[in-house]
Amino acid sequence: MGISQLLCEVRDRDYGGEQKAMAAAWAIHESTLSRWIRRERVPTSAWYDFLQRRLDISLAEVHAACQIERNGVARL
């Protein structure tokens, strides 16, 4: 599962589908989150620790999810 899908699941489950609320709770710019969700951008490794904490998954899982997006597998 790509990082976009993981983010969508958290947004829908924890924030009632409200991306703006999720971005505010995470203290990140809404456009950053939006680009990740729309697969326009993939988080860099600088974001991995942050995403690990927020998604409650391992660093290896964050890296793998981002790699899926980078490789285009999630778009098939």
C-alpha atoms as a PDB file:
ATOM      1  CA  MET A   1       0.000   0.000   0.000  1.00  0.00           C
ATOM      2  CA  GLY A   2       1.355   3.395  -0.962  1.00  0.00           C
ATOM      3  CA  ILE A   3       1.780   6.360   1.339  1.00  0.00           C
ATOM      4  CA  SER A   4      -1.131   8.143  -0.334  1.00  0.00           C
ATOM      5  CA  GLN A   5      -3.504   5.314   0.555  1.00  0.00           C
ATOM      6  CA  LEU A   6      -2.235   5.193   4.137  1.00  0.00           C
ATOM      7  CA  LEU A   7      -2.777   8.938   4.490  1.00  0.00           C
ATOM      8  CA  CYS A   8      -6.279   8.677   3.024  1.00  0.00           C
ATOM      9  CA  GLU A   9      -7.191   5.942   5.488  1.00  0.00           C
ATOM     10  CA  VAL A  10      -6.027   8.016   8.458  1.00  0.00           C
ATOM     11  CA  ARG A  11      -7.779  11.121   7.119  1.00  0.00           C
ATOM     12  CA  ASP A  12     -11.052   9.258   6.682  1.00  0.00           C
ATOM     13  CA  ARG A  13     -10.855   7.268   9.929  1.00  0.00           C
ATOM     14  CA  ASP A  14      -9.479   9.879  12.322  1.00  0.00           C
ATOM     15  CA  TYR A  15     -10.548  13.182  10.783  1.00  0.00           C
ATOM     16  CA  GLY A  16     -13.900  12.355   9.168  1.00  0.00           C
ATOM     17  CA  GLY A  17     -12.430  12.842   5.712  1.00  0.00           C
ATOM     18  CA  GLU A  18     -11.407  16.409   6.540  1.00  0.00           C
ATOM     19  CA  GLN A  19      -7.977  17.031   5.081  1.00  0.00           C
ATOM     20  CA  LYS A  20      -7.817  20.534   6.512  1.00  0.00           C
ATOM     21  CA  ALA A  21      -8.437  19.198  10.034  1.00  0.00           C
ATOM     22  CA  MET A  22      -5.772  16.535   9.568  1.00  0.00           C
ATOM     23  CA  ALA A  23      -3.204  19.066   8.368  1.00  0.00           C
ATOM     24  CA  ALA A  24      -3.992  21.351  11.304  1.00  0.00           C
ATOM     25  CA  ALA A  25      -3.737  18.518  13.830  1.00  0.00           C
ATOM     26  CA  TRP A  26      -0.443  17.408  12.311  1.00  0.00           C
ATOM     27  CA  ALA A  27       0.824  21.012  12.149  1.00  0.00           C
ATOM     28  CA  ILE A  28       1.766  20.773   8.477  1.00  0.00           C
ATOM     29  CA  HIS A  29       0.693  22.925   5.556  1.00  0.00           C
ATOM     30  CA  GLU A  30      -2.508  21.666   3.963  1.00  0.00           C
ATOM     31  CA  SER A  31      -0.976  21.884   0.480  1.00  0.00           C
ATOM     32  CA  THR A  32       1.843  19.542   1.535  1.00  0.00           C
ATOM     33  CA  LEU A  33      -0.635  16.942   2.732  1.00  0.00           C
ATOM     34  CA  SER A  34      -2.794  17.467  -0.343  1.00  0.00           C
ATOM     35  CA  ARG A  35       0.134  16.856  -2.707  1.00  0.00           C
ATOM     36  CA  TRP A  36       1.022  13.639  -0.907  1.00  0.00           C
ATOM     37  CA  ILE A  37      -2.572  12.401  -1.024  1.00  0.00           C
ATOM     38  CA  ARG A  38      -2.989  13.288  -4.712  1.00  0.00           C
ATOM     39  CA  ARG A  39       0.366  11.618  -5.479  1.00  0.00           C
ATOM     40  CA  GLU A  40       1.788  14.830  -6.886  1.00  0.00           C
ATOM     41  CA  ARG A  41       4.681  14.567  -4.434  1.00  0.00           C
ATOM     42  CA  VAL A  42       6.170  11.816  -2.294  1.00  0.00           C
ATOM     43  CA  PRO A  43       7.492  12.581   1.185  1.00  0.00           C
ATOM     44  CA  THR A  44      11.277  12.712   1.363  1.00  0.00           C
ATOM     45  CA  SER A  45      13.231  10.785   3.955  1.00  0.00           C
ATOM     46  CA  ALA A  46      13.300  13.947   6.087  1.00  0.00           C
ATOM     47  CA  TRP A  47       9.594  13.302   6.760  1.00  0.00           C
ATOM     48  CA  TYR A  48       9.945   9.605   7.648  1.00  0.00           C
ATOM     49  CA  ASP A  49      10.242  10.041  11.436  1.00  0.00           C
ATOM     50  CA  PHE A  50       7.241  12.365  11.452  1.00  0.00           C
ATOM     51  CA  LEU A  51       5.159   9.963   9.357  1.00  0.00           C
ATOM     52  CA  GLN A  52       6.225   6.995  11.464  1.00  0.00           C
ATOM     53  CA  ARG A  53       4.853   8.689  14.574  1.00  0.00           C
ATOM     54  CA  ARG A  54       1.668   9.936  12.926  1.00  0.00           C
ATOM     55  CA  LEU A  55       0.833   6.710  11.101  1.00  0.00           C
ATOM     56  CA  ASP A  56       2.036   4.465  13.944  1.00  0.00           C
ATOM     57  CA  ILE A  57       4.068   2.261  11.603  1.00  0.00           C
ATOM     58  CA  SER A  58       7.762   1.408  11.379  1.00  0.00           C
ATOM     59  CA  LEU A  59      10.323   3.449   9.479  1.00  0.00           C
ATOM     60  CA  ALA A  60      10.716   0.501   7.110  1.00  0.00           C
ATOM     61  CA  GLU A  61       6.971   0.590   6.402  1.00  0.00           C
ATOM     62  CA  VAL A  62       7.072   4.348   5.766  1.00  0.00           C
ATOM     63  CA  HIS A  63       9.995   3.892   3.391  1.00  0.00           C
ATOM     64  CA  ALA A  64       8.286   1.003   1.573  1.00  0.00           C
ATOM     65  CA  ALA A  65       5.028   2.967   1.225  1.00  0.00           C
ATOM     66  CA  CYS A  66       6.902   5.944  -0.218  1.00  0.00           C
ATOM     67  CA  GLN A  67       8.839   3.694  -2.588  1.00  0.00           C
ATOM     68  CA  ILE A  68       5.574   2.283  -3.919  1.00  0.00           C
ATOM     69  CA  GLU A  69       4.532   5.812  -4.872  1.00  0.00           C
ATOM     70  CA  ARG A  70       7.938   6.623  -6.361  1.00  0.00           C
ATOM     71  CA  ASN A  71       7.845   3.492  -8.481  1.00  0.00           C
ATOM     72  CA  GLY A  72       4.314   4.192  -9.669  1.00  0.00           C
ATOM     73  CA  VAL A  73       2.953   0.871  -8.437  1.00  0.00           C
ATOM     74  CA  ALA A  74       0.105   2.534  -6.550  1.00  0.00           C
ATOM     75  CA  ARG A  75      -1.130   4.176  -9.768  1.00  0.00           C
ATOM     76  CA  LEU A  76      -1.811   0.916 -11.591  1.00  0.00           C
END
